[in-house]
């Protein structure tokens, strides 16, 4: 790709963000079929493969926020409640919703809001984890909600 094409691609990605529009793209983990919508003009940096499961991690350009999407093996076919308990979440969780199909938890740690949702699937938990500055929580609400609700098996 020529430098002019690269510059055009960068401008194309940055212009919607500057105009207030968010550009979404579906990311799929081929080995499990898990998929999620990712705002590609917010999480612009691909940080590579995840540890502990198939997936990828992304950062904002300034690295103030990150998003991890992965399929984590669930060998015991644990319920979402059991899977969450085995991960030993912190005691100070501010938001917790657990059903037979998924769990979603969130809290604040070291000035950063963290959000984790995992959907139960055959032999896997399909998870998305997002961390961002707690002071910007209101600005992130719609983005986090869309990502969370788009998570599918």
Protein backbone atom coordinates (compact mmCIF):
# COMPACT_ATOMS: atom_id res chain seq x y z
CA UNK A 1 0.00 0.00 0.00
CA UNK A 2 1.39 3.38 -0.94
CA UNK A 3 1.88 6.13 1.69
CA UNK A 4 -1.00 8.06 0.10
CA UNK A 5 -3.37 5.12 0.56
CA UNK A 6 -2.28 4.73 4.19
CA UNK A 7 -2.87 8.43 4.87
CA UNK A 8 -6.29 8.23 3.22
CA UNK A 9 -7.21 5.22 5.36
CA UNK A 10 -6.15 7.03 8.52
CA UNK A 11 -8.14 10.13 7.59
CA UNK A 12 -11.17 7.97 6.75
CA UNK A 13 -11.05 6.42 10.22
CA UNK A 14 -10.46 9.68 12.07
CA UNK A 15 -13.07 11.81 10.29
CA UNK A 16 -16.12 9.86 11.62
CA UNK A 17 -14.75 10.10 15.18
CA UNK A 18 -14.22 13.83 14.83
CA UNK A 19 -17.76 14.22 13.50
CA UNK A 20 -19.17 12.28 16.46
CA UNK A 21 -20.03 9.12 14.53
CA UNK A 22 -18.67 5.81 15.70
CA UNK A 23 -17.52 3.30 13.10
CA UNK A 24 -18.35 -0.27 14.13
CA UNK A 25 -16.91 -3.49 12.76
CA UNK A 26 -17.77 -7.07 13.69
CA UNK A 27 -14.77 -9.05 14.97
CA UNK A 28 -15.04 -12.86 14.80
CA UNK A 29 -12.94 -15.51 16.51
CA UNK A 30 -12.86 -18.13 13.72
CA UNK A 31 -12.09 -21.11 15.97
CA UNK A 32 -15.21 -20.61 18.15
CA UNK A 33 -17.54 -18.42 16.09
CA UNK A 34 -17.75 -15.83 18.85
CA UNK A 35 -18.26 -12.30 17.55
CA UNK A 36 -18.62 -8.78 18.85
CA UNK A 37 -19.00 -5.27 17.44
CA UNK A 38 -15.90 -3.14 18.04
CA UNK A 39 -15.74 0.64 17.54
CA UNK A 40 -12.68 0.64 15.27
CA UNK A 41 -12.25 4.40 15.33
CA UNK A 42 -12.00 4.29 19.14
CA UNK A 43 -9.95 1.11 19.61
CA UNK A 44 -7.47 1.81 16.84
CA UNK A 45 -4.43 -0.17 18.07
CA UNK A 46 -4.32 -3.95 17.72
CA UNK A 47 -2.28 -5.25 20.68
CA UNK A 48 -2.27 -8.83 19.39
CA UNK A 49 -3.41 -12.19 20.67
CA UNK A 50 -4.72 -12.72 24.18
CA UNK A 51 -3.36 -15.08 26.81
CA UNK A 52 -5.55 -17.86 28.15
CA UNK A 53 -7.87 -18.13 25.17
CA UNK A 54 -8.42 -17.33 21.53
CA UNK A 55 -8.95 -13.63 20.91
CA UNK A 56 -7.41 -10.18 20.57
CA UNK A 57 -6.73 -7.08 22.60
CA UNK A 58 -7.16 -3.52 21.37
CA UNK A 59 -6.16 -0.10 22.75
CA UNK A 60 -7.22 3.46 22.12
CA UNK A 61 -4.53 5.49 20.41
CA UNK A 62 -3.52 7.08 23.74
CA UNK A 63 -3.67 3.70 25.58
CA UNK A 64 -6.07 5.15 28.18
CA UNK A 65 -8.63 2.45 27.39
CA UNK A 66 -8.42 -1.14 26.24
CA UNK A 67 -10.74 -3.88 25.05
CA UNK A 68 -10.08 -7.61 25.18
CA UNK A 69 -12.27 -10.09 23.31
CA UNK A 70 -11.67 -13.79 23.79
CA UNK A 71 -13.08 -17.29 23.98
CA UNK A 72 -12.01 -18.91 27.25
CA UNK A 73 -12.24 -22.71 27.52
CA UNK A 74 -14.97 -23.83 29.92
CA UNK A 75 -13.96 -27.48 30.28
CA UNK A 76 -16.30 -28.14 33.19
CA UNK A 77 -19.23 -26.56 31.34
CA UNK A 78 -19.62 -24.31 34.39
CA UNK A 79 -22.59 -22.02 34.71
CA UNK A 80 -21.80 -18.30 34.40
CA UNK A 81 -22.11 -17.95 38.20
CA UNK A 82 -19.65 -20.79 38.84
CA UNK A 83 -17.25 -19.58 36.14
CA UNK A 84 -17.26 -16.08 37.65
CA UNK A 85 -16.72 -17.41 41.19
CA UNK A 86 -13.72 -19.48 40.05
CA UNK A 87 -12.13 -16.31 38.64
CA UNK A 88 -12.24 -14.80 42.16
CA UNK A 89 -13.60 -11.34 41.29
CA UNK A 90 -12.86 -8.48 43.71
CA UNK A 91 -15.27 -8.00 46.59
CA UNK A 92 -16.08 -4.38 45.67
CA UNK A 93 -18.03 -5.10 42.46
CA UNK A 94 -20.45 -2.21 41.89
CA UNK A 95 -22.54 -3.84 39.14
CA UNK A 96 -23.30 -7.55 38.91
CA UNK A 97 -25.81 -9.36 36.73
CA UNK A 98 -25.68 -13.15 36.49
CA UNK A 99 -28.09 -15.31 34.50
CA UNK A 100 -27.96 -18.87 33.21
CA UNK A 101 -26.61 -17.53 29.88
CA UNK A 102 -24.12 -14.81 30.91
CA UNK A 103 -22.59 -12.68 33.61
CA UNK A 104 -21.71 -8.98 33.54
CA UNK A 105 -19.70 -7.30 36.27
CA UNK A 106 -18.16 -3.87 36.67
CA UNK A 107 -16.38 -1.73 39.22
CA UNK A 108 -13.65 0.87 39.65
CA UNK A 109 -10.01 0.07 40.43
CA UNK A 110 -7.14 2.57 40.50
CA UNK A 111 -9.22 5.32 38.87
CA UNK A 112 -10.30 3.06 36.01
CA UNK A 113 -13.68 1.50 35.36
CA UNK A 114 -13.50 -2.14 34.33
CA UNK A 115 -16.35 -4.05 32.73
CA UNK A 116 -16.45 -7.77 32.00
CA UNK A 117 -19.19 -9.74 30.26
CA UNK A 118 -19.01 -13.44 29.43
CA UNK A 119 -21.63 -15.43 27.52
CA UNK A 120 -21.85 -19.18 28.02
CA UNK A 121 -21.35 -21.24 24.85
CA UNK A 122 -20.52 -24.87 24.15
CA UNK A 123 -17.21 -25.58 25.92
CA UNK A 124 -16.38 -21.81 26.06
CA UNK A 125 -17.15 -18.57 27.76
CA UNK A 126 -17.16 -15.78 25.15
CA UNK A 127 -15.87 -12.71 26.96
CA UNK A 128 -15.32 -9.02 26.45
CA UNK A 129 -13.37 -6.93 28.96
CA UNK A 130 -13.15 -3.14 28.76
CA UNK A 131 -11.10 -0.74 30.91
CA UNK A 132 -11.35 3.05 30.70
CA UNK A 133 -10.89 6.14 32.89
CA UNK A 134 -13.56 6.24 35.61
CA UNK A 135 -13.86 10.02 35.21
CA UNK A 136 -15.14 9.40 31.65
CA UNK A 137 -17.76 6.80 32.59
CA UNK A 138 -20.74 8.73 31.18
CA UNK A 139 -18.98 9.19 27.82
CA UNK A 140 -18.28 5.44 27.65
CA UNK A 141 -21.75 4.20 28.65
CA UNK A 142 -23.22 3.91 25.14
CA UNK A 143 -20.07 2.34 23.68
CA UNK A 144 -19.79 -0.25 26.46
CA UNK A 145 -23.50 -1.06 26.19
CA UNK A 146 -23.33 -1.66 22.43
CA UNK A 147 -20.21 -3.81 22.72
CA UNK A 148 -21.78 -5.83 25.55
CA UNK A 149 -25.10 -6.40 23.82
CA UNK A 150 -23.43 -7.34 20.51
CA UNK A 151 -21.42 -10.17 22.08
CA UNK A 152 -22.66 -13.38 20.44
CA UNK A 153 -21.70 -17.02 20.15
